[in-house]
């Protein structure tokens, strides 16, 4: 059965122009993009999203960092996609992440973690609904375009 998950490509990845590389890794793994948008996430949505960190010393800095530039929000679909994306992302702290993971290849800190990936199937629907309206998500089959176009149209 196919699952969906939320990925946020964070401001540090946007500023470093590594978005394409990150998306490529998800697509190369066989995951399907069913929603995508560039957004300056509102402070309200960030406070809801990171509510589990509220009251911690780093919380105000986290919100400020996430508002420093737009983020790219993705909804990915695939078999066991929550676990697959978590493995592709690597551990949160970049120094601990193995080479070959997104954080292992692009992050050296706990503050600039490159991406957010939903951590459980139970949270996915809530996270997706926070950032996407139903009409912003697409259900489609991948198409073999050689099959669609006639020989004359190619």
Protein backbone atom coordinates (compact mmCIF):
# COMPACT_ATOMS: atom_id res chain seq x y z
CA UNK A 1 0.00 0.00 0.00
CA UNK A 2 1.30 3.45 -0.88
CA UNK A 3 1.83 6.10 1.77
CA UNK A 4 2.37 9.81 1.64
CA UNK A 5 4.80 11.95 3.61
CA UNK A 6 5.68 15.59 4.03
CA UNK A 7 9.15 16.92 3.30
CA UNK A 8 10.20 20.49 3.91
CA UNK A 9 13.35 21.56 2.11
CA UNK A 10 14.52 24.24 4.52
CA UNK A 11 15.96 27.74 3.99
CA UNK A 12 19.58 26.57 4.23
CA UNK A 13 19.07 24.23 1.25
CA UNK A 14 17.26 26.98 -0.68
CA UNK A 15 20.10 29.45 -0.01
CA UNK A 16 22.75 26.90 -0.99
CA UNK A 17 20.94 26.02 -4.25
CA UNK A 18 20.89 22.27 -3.57
CA UNK A 19 17.12 21.81 -3.98
CA UNK A 20 17.45 20.02 -7.32
CA UNK A 21 19.94 17.54 -5.89
CA UNK A 22 17.59 16.74 -3.00
CA UNK A 23 14.55 16.29 -5.24
CA UNK A 24 16.63 14.15 -7.60
CA UNK A 25 17.43 11.74 -4.76
CA UNK A 26 13.75 11.25 -3.98
CA UNK A 27 12.84 10.73 -7.62
CA UNK A 28 15.81 8.42 -8.24
CA UNK A 29 14.59 6.26 -5.36
CA UNK A 30 11.25 5.92 -7.14
CA UNK A 31 9.16 8.25 -4.99
CA UNK A 32 6.44 10.28 -6.68
CA UNK A 33 5.88 14.00 -6.08
CA UNK A 34 2.15 14.56 -5.55
CA UNK A 35 2.40 18.09 -4.14
CA UNK A 36 5.01 20.83 -4.26
CA UNK A 37 5.13 24.55 -3.50
CA UNK A 38 7.56 27.26 -2.49
CA UNK A 39 6.37 29.07 0.62
CA UNK A 40 7.40 31.54 3.25
CA UNK A 41 5.86 29.49 6.05
CA UNK A 42 3.84 31.60 8.48
CA UNK A 43 4.99 31.98 12.06
CA UNK A 44 1.68 30.47 13.20
CA UNK A 45 2.15 27.33 11.08
CA UNK A 46 5.76 26.99 12.22
CA UNK A 47 4.74 27.27 15.87
CA UNK A 48 2.16 24.53 15.33
CA UNK A 49 4.59 22.38 13.37
CA UNK A 50 7.36 22.69 15.96
CA UNK A 51 5.06 22.79 19.02
CA UNK A 52 6.95 19.84 20.53
CA UNK A 53 9.97 22.18 20.85
CA UNK A 54 8.07 25.12 22.37
CA UNK A 55 9.69 26.25 25.60
CA UNK A 56 13.12 25.00 24.59
CA UNK A 57 15.95 27.53 24.45
CA UNK A 58 16.45 27.14 20.68
CA UNK A 59 12.75 27.53 19.75
CA UNK A 60 12.79 31.29 18.93
CA UNK A 61 15.92 30.83 16.81
CA UNK A 62 14.32 27.89 14.98
CA UNK A 63 11.29 29.98 14.04
CA UNK A 64 13.52 32.88 12.96
CA UNK A 65 15.68 30.56 10.84
CA UNK A 66 12.65 28.96 9.18
CA UNK A 67 11.31 32.44 8.33
CA UNK A 68 14.67 33.65 6.94
CA UNK A 69 13.90 32.44 3.39
CA UNK A 70 11.22 30.39 1.68
CA UNK A 71 11.02 26.64 2.06
CA UNK A 72 10.01 24.09 -0.55
CA UNK A 73 7.18 21.90 0.67
CA UNK A 74 6.76 18.46 -0.89
CA UNK A 75 4.31 15.64 -0.51
CA UNK A 76 5.87 12.40 -1.68
CA UNK A 77 4.13 9.11 -2.30
CA UNK A 78 5.46 5.57 -2.39
CA UNK A 79 5.69 2.27 -0.62
CA UNK A 80 6.79 2.79 3.02
CA UNK A 81 7.62 6.38 2.03
CA UNK A 82 7.87 7.69 5.62
CA UNK A 83 10.65 5.24 6.47
CA UNK A 84 12.31 5.52 3.06
CA UNK A 85 12.52 9.32 3.28
CA UNK A 86 13.83 9.17 6.86
CA UNK A 87 16.61 6.83 5.71
CA UNK A 88 17.45 9.07 2.74
CA UNK A 89 17.52 12.10 5.06
CA UNK A 90 19.79 10.56 7.70
CA UNK A 91 19.98 11.51 11.38
CA UNK A 92 19.03 15.09 12.32
CA UNK A 93 22.53 16.08 13.42
CA UNK A 94 24.51 16.36 10.20
CA UNK A 95 27.85 15.40 11.75
CA UNK A 96 26.35 12.05 12.80
CA UNK A 97 24.72 11.37 9.42
CA UNK A 98 26.48 8.92 7.12
CA UNK A 99 27.82 9.97 3.75
CA UNK A 100 25.27 9.19 1.08
CA UNK A 101 22.36 10.55 3.11
CA UNK A 102 21.04 14.04 2.43
CA UNK A 103 22.18 15.38 5.80
CA UNK A 104 25.41 13.39 5.68
CA UNK A 105 26.33 14.98 2.37
CA UNK A 106 25.06 18.53 2.97
CA UNK A 107 24.83 19.33 6.70
CA UNK A 108 27.44 19.87 9.39
CA UNK A 109 25.23 21.22 12.16
CA UNK A 110 22.17 20.64 14.33
CA UNK A 111 20.72 24.02 13.30
CA UNK A 112 20.93 23.70 9.52
CA UNK A 113 19.47 20.27 8.91
CA UNK A 114 18.56 20.78 5.23
CA UNK A 115 15.17 19.04 5.39
CA UNK A 116 12.28 18.08 7.61
CA UNK A 117 10.80 14.64 7.05
CA UNK A 118 7.67 13.39 8.81
CA UNK A 119 8.76 11.01 11.54
CA UNK A 120 5.70 8.74 11.69
CA UNK A 121 2.74 7.59 9.65
CA UNK A 122 0.51 8.83 12.48
CA UNK A 123 1.68 12.47 12.04
CA UNK A 124 1.71 12.58 8.24
CA UNK A 125 -1.92 13.52 7.64
CA UNK A 126 -1.79 16.33 10.22
CA UNK A 127 1.45 17.70 8.76
CA UNK A 128 0.26 17.52 5.16
CA UNK A 129 -3.06 19.18 6.02
CA UNK A 130 -1.22 22.00 7.80
CA UNK A 131 0.61 23.03 4.63
CA UNK A 132 -1.49 21.76 1.70
CA UNK A 133 -5.11 22.13 0.64
CA UNK A 134 -6.68 19.02 -0.89
CA UNK A 135 -6.72 20.62 -4.37
CA UNK A 136 -2.92 21.10 -4.18
CA UNK A 137 -2.31 17.33 -4.08
CA UNK A 138 -2.49 15.23 -7.21
CA UNK A 139 -3.33 11.61 -7.84
CA UNK A 140 -1.88 10.49 -11.15
CA UNK A 141 -0.19 7.59 -12.85
CA UNK A 142 3.21 8.02 -14.37
CA UNK A 143 2.86 8.04 -18.12
CA UNK A 144 5.01 6.63 -20.85
CA UNK A 145 5.01 9.64 -23.18
CA UNK A 146 6.27 7.58 -26.12
CA UNK A 147 3.02 5.69 -25.87
CA UNK A 148 0.85 8.85 -25.86
CA UNK A 149 2.35 10.63 -28.86
CA UNK A 150 1.98 9.21 -32.31
CA UNK A 151 5.02 8.75 -34.54
CA UNK A 152 4.13 11.96 -36.43
CA UNK A 153 3.94 14.03 -33.21
CA UNK A 154 7.39 12.95 -32.01
